[in-house]
N, C-alpha and C. Protein backbone atom coordinates (compact mmCIF):
# COMPACT_ATOMS: atom_id res chain seq x y z
N UNK A 1 25.86 -22.67 215.82
CA UNK A 1 27.23 -22.24 215.89
C UNK A 1 27.29 -20.76 215.52
N UNK A 2 28.03 -20.01 216.27
CA UNK A 2 28.14 -18.58 216.02
C UNK A 2 29.61 -18.21 215.84
N UNK A 3 29.84 -17.24 214.99
CA UNK A 3 31.18 -16.71 214.74
C UNK A 3 31.11 -15.19 214.75
N UNK A 4 32.15 -14.56 215.28
CA UNK A 4 32.23 -13.11 215.34
C UNK A 4 32.72 -12.56 214.00
N UNK A 5 32.12 -11.47 213.54
CA UNK A 5 32.55 -10.77 212.34
C UNK A 5 33.68 -9.83 212.74
N UNK A 6 34.80 -9.88 212.01
CA UNK A 6 35.92 -8.99 212.36
C UNK A 6 35.72 -7.60 211.77
N UNK A 7 36.67 -6.70 212.00
CA UNK A 7 36.52 -5.30 211.58
C UNK A 7 36.54 -5.13 210.06
N UNK A 8 36.93 -6.16 209.30
CA UNK A 8 36.88 -6.11 207.83
C UNK A 8 35.66 -6.82 207.28
N UNK A 9 34.77 -7.29 208.16
CA UNK A 9 33.55 -7.96 207.73
C UNK A 9 33.72 -9.44 207.45
N UNK A 10 34.81 -10.03 207.89
CA UNK A 10 35.09 -11.43 207.61
C UNK A 10 34.61 -12.33 208.74
N UNK A 11 34.30 -13.57 208.36
CA UNK A 11 34.02 -14.62 209.33
C UNK A 11 34.86 -15.84 208.95
N UNK A 12 35.05 -16.73 209.87
CA UNK A 12 35.77 -17.97 209.61
C UNK A 12 34.77 -19.10 209.57
N UNK A 13 34.81 -19.88 208.48
CA UNK A 13 33.97 -21.07 208.40
C UNK A 13 34.68 -22.18 209.16
N UNK A 14 33.99 -22.83 210.08
CA UNK A 14 34.63 -23.89 210.88
C UNK A 14 35.17 -25.01 209.99
N UNK A 15 36.30 -25.57 210.38
CA UNK A 15 36.97 -26.62 209.60
C UNK A 15 36.05 -27.80 209.33
N UNK A 16 35.26 -28.21 210.30
CA UNK A 16 34.38 -29.36 210.09
C UNK A 16 33.32 -29.09 209.03
N UNK A 17 32.86 -27.84 208.92
CA UNK A 17 31.91 -27.48 207.87
C UNK A 17 32.59 -27.46 206.50
N UNK A 18 33.80 -26.90 206.45
CA UNK A 18 34.55 -26.88 205.18
C UNK A 18 34.82 -28.29 204.70
N UNK A 19 35.17 -29.18 205.61
CA UNK A 19 35.44 -30.57 205.25
C UNK A 19 34.17 -31.25 204.75
N UNK A 20 33.08 -31.08 205.45
CA UNK A 20 31.81 -31.71 205.07
C UNK A 20 31.36 -31.25 203.69
N UNK A 21 31.54 -29.95 203.39
CA UNK A 21 31.09 -29.39 202.13
C UNK A 21 32.18 -29.38 201.05
N UNK A 22 33.32 -29.97 201.36
CA UNK A 22 34.45 -30.05 200.42
C UNK A 22 34.85 -28.66 199.93
N UNK A 23 34.98 -27.72 200.87
CA UNK A 23 35.41 -26.35 200.55
C UNK A 23 36.89 -26.25 200.87
N UNK A 24 37.68 -25.89 199.86
CA UNK A 24 39.13 -25.80 200.01
C UNK A 24 39.60 -24.38 199.75
N UNK A 25 40.86 -24.09 200.10
CA UNK A 25 41.46 -22.79 199.80
C UNK A 25 41.30 -22.50 198.32
N UNK A 26 40.87 -21.30 197.99
CA UNK A 26 40.73 -20.90 196.59
C UNK A 26 39.36 -21.17 196.00
N UNK A 27 38.53 -21.96 196.68
CA UNK A 27 37.16 -22.19 196.19
C UNK A 27 36.35 -20.91 196.31
N UNK A 28 35.36 -20.76 195.45
CA UNK A 28 34.47 -19.61 195.49
C UNK A 28 33.16 -19.99 196.17
N UNK A 29 32.62 -19.06 196.95
CA UNK A 29 31.31 -19.21 197.56
C UNK A 29 30.40 -18.12 197.02
N UNK A 30 29.22 -18.50 196.60
CA UNK A 30 28.22 -17.53 196.18
C UNK A 30 27.53 -17.02 197.43
N UNK A 31 27.30 -15.72 197.49
CA UNK A 31 26.65 -15.10 198.65
C UNK A 31 25.33 -14.51 198.17
N UNK A 32 24.23 -14.98 198.75
CA UNK A 32 22.90 -14.58 198.30
C UNK A 32 22.08 -14.16 199.51
N UNK A 33 21.26 -13.13 199.33
CA UNK A 33 20.28 -12.76 200.35
C UNK A 33 18.97 -13.47 200.06
N UNK A 34 18.42 -14.13 201.08
CA UNK A 34 17.14 -14.82 200.98
C UNK A 34 16.28 -14.26 202.11
N UNK A 35 15.44 -13.28 201.75
CA UNK A 35 14.70 -12.50 202.75
C UNK A 35 15.71 -11.88 203.71
N UNK A 36 15.71 -12.30 204.96
CA UNK A 36 16.65 -11.73 205.93
C UNK A 36 17.78 -12.69 206.27
N UNK A 37 18.03 -13.65 205.39
CA UNK A 37 19.09 -14.64 205.62
C UNK A 37 20.22 -14.44 204.61
N UNK A 38 21.42 -14.69 205.04
CA UNK A 38 22.58 -14.72 204.15
C UNK A 38 22.86 -16.19 203.86
N UNK A 39 22.88 -16.55 202.59
CA UNK A 39 23.11 -17.93 202.19
C UNK A 39 24.45 -18.03 201.47
N UNK A 40 25.30 -18.93 201.92
CA UNK A 40 26.57 -19.20 201.26
C UNK A 40 26.45 -20.54 200.55
N UNK A 41 26.86 -20.58 199.28
CA UNK A 41 26.80 -21.82 198.53
C UNK A 41 28.06 -21.96 197.71
N UNK A 42 28.68 -23.12 197.78
CA UNK A 42 29.91 -23.35 197.04
C UNK A 42 29.62 -23.31 195.54
N UNK A 43 30.47 -22.58 194.81
CA UNK A 43 30.37 -22.54 193.36
C UNK A 43 31.15 -23.74 192.84
N UNK A 44 30.44 -24.64 192.21
CA UNK A 44 31.09 -25.85 191.69
C UNK A 44 31.69 -25.56 190.34
N UNK A 45 32.96 -25.82 190.21
CA UNK A 45 33.66 -25.60 188.95
C UNK A 45 34.32 -26.87 188.46
N UNK A 46 33.80 -28.01 188.96
CA UNK A 46 34.30 -29.31 188.53
C UNK A 46 33.18 -30.34 188.63
N UNK A 47 33.36 -31.42 187.95
CA UNK A 47 32.34 -32.47 187.90
C UNK A 47 32.10 -33.04 189.29
N UNK A 48 30.85 -33.18 189.65
CA UNK A 48 30.46 -33.73 190.95
C UNK A 48 31.00 -35.15 191.13
N UNK A 49 31.11 -35.90 190.06
CA UNK A 49 31.47 -37.31 190.15
C UNK A 49 32.96 -37.57 189.98
N UNK A 50 33.58 -37.09 188.87
CA UNK A 50 34.97 -37.42 188.59
C UNK A 50 35.93 -36.26 188.85
N UNK A 51 35.40 -35.09 189.19
CA UNK A 51 36.18 -33.89 189.52
C UNK A 51 36.83 -33.23 188.31
N UNK A 52 36.47 -33.64 187.09
CA UNK A 52 36.98 -33.01 185.87
C UNK A 52 36.56 -31.54 185.83
N UNK A 53 37.38 -30.71 185.22
CA UNK A 53 37.06 -29.28 185.11
C UNK A 53 36.71 -28.89 183.67
N UNK A 54 36.62 -29.86 182.77
CA UNK A 54 36.36 -29.54 181.37
C UNK A 54 34.97 -29.98 180.93
N UNK A 55 34.41 -29.22 180.00
CA UNK A 55 33.13 -29.54 179.36
C UNK A 55 32.02 -29.79 180.38
N UNK A 56 31.86 -28.85 181.31
CA UNK A 56 30.85 -29.00 182.37
C UNK A 56 29.48 -28.54 181.90
N UNK A 57 28.45 -29.17 182.43
CA UNK A 57 27.07 -28.78 182.17
C UNK A 57 26.25 -29.07 183.41
N UNK A 58 25.12 -28.41 183.52
CA UNK A 58 24.25 -28.59 184.68
C UNK A 58 23.43 -29.87 184.52
N UNK A 59 23.31 -30.62 185.61
CA UNK A 59 22.49 -31.82 185.63
C UNK A 59 21.86 -31.90 187.01
N UNK A 60 20.55 -31.63 187.07
CA UNK A 60 19.82 -31.62 188.35
C UNK A 60 20.50 -30.74 189.40
N UNK A 61 20.93 -29.56 188.98
CA UNK A 61 21.51 -28.60 189.90
C UNK A 61 22.97 -28.82 190.25
N UNK A 62 23.61 -29.80 189.64
CA UNK A 62 25.03 -30.08 189.89
C UNK A 62 25.82 -29.94 188.60
N UNK A 63 27.11 -29.66 188.72
CA UNK A 63 27.99 -29.60 187.55
C UNK A 63 28.47 -31.00 187.23
N UNK A 64 28.31 -31.41 185.98
CA UNK A 64 28.71 -32.75 185.53
C UNK A 64 29.43 -32.60 184.20
N UNK A 65 30.54 -33.34 184.02
CA UNK A 65 31.26 -33.29 182.75
C UNK A 65 30.50 -34.08 181.70
N UNK A 66 30.90 -33.91 180.44
CA UNK A 66 30.20 -34.56 179.33
C UNK A 66 30.24 -36.08 179.46
N UNK A 67 31.39 -36.63 179.85
CA UNK A 67 31.50 -38.10 179.96
C UNK A 67 30.55 -38.64 181.02
N UNK A 68 30.55 -38.03 182.21
CA UNK A 68 29.66 -38.50 183.27
C UNK A 68 28.20 -38.26 182.91
N UNK A 69 27.93 -37.16 182.19
CA UNK A 69 26.57 -36.88 181.75
C UNK A 69 26.07 -37.98 180.82
N UNK A 70 26.93 -38.42 179.88
CA UNK A 70 26.56 -39.53 178.98
C UNK A 70 26.27 -40.80 179.78
N UNK A 71 27.12 -41.09 180.76
CA UNK A 71 26.91 -42.29 181.60
C UNK A 71 25.60 -42.20 182.38
N UNK A 72 25.30 -41.03 182.91
CA UNK A 72 24.04 -40.86 183.64
C UNK A 72 22.84 -41.02 182.70
N UNK A 73 22.95 -40.42 181.52
CA UNK A 73 21.85 -40.53 180.55
C UNK A 73 21.64 -41.97 180.14
N UNK A 74 22.73 -42.75 179.98
CA UNK A 74 22.63 -44.15 179.60
C UNK A 74 21.97 -44.97 180.72
N UNK A 75 22.28 -44.63 181.98
CA UNK A 75 21.69 -45.35 183.11
C UNK A 75 20.21 -45.10 183.27
N UNK A 76 19.75 -43.90 182.86
CA UNK A 76 18.33 -43.58 183.00
C UNK A 76 17.53 -44.08 181.80
N UNK A 77 18.25 -44.55 180.76
CA UNK A 77 17.69 -45.18 179.57
C UNK A 77 16.66 -44.43 178.91
């Protein structure tokens, strides 16, 4: 899929991609150069499981709240 860059350097992310990646208005995307590639990655600011925005911590590369983290830790015994 290709998109044209406008005169301000903007591109439009297709709706089906935004829906698949759960990207909504106001969400932040991290922009990183990887050799000669531009990589966009959604900045997660809420729990992957319950969507809470408080007491977040990293768990296997995802943001997880304290409650869900305890539940995950209990499941892994």
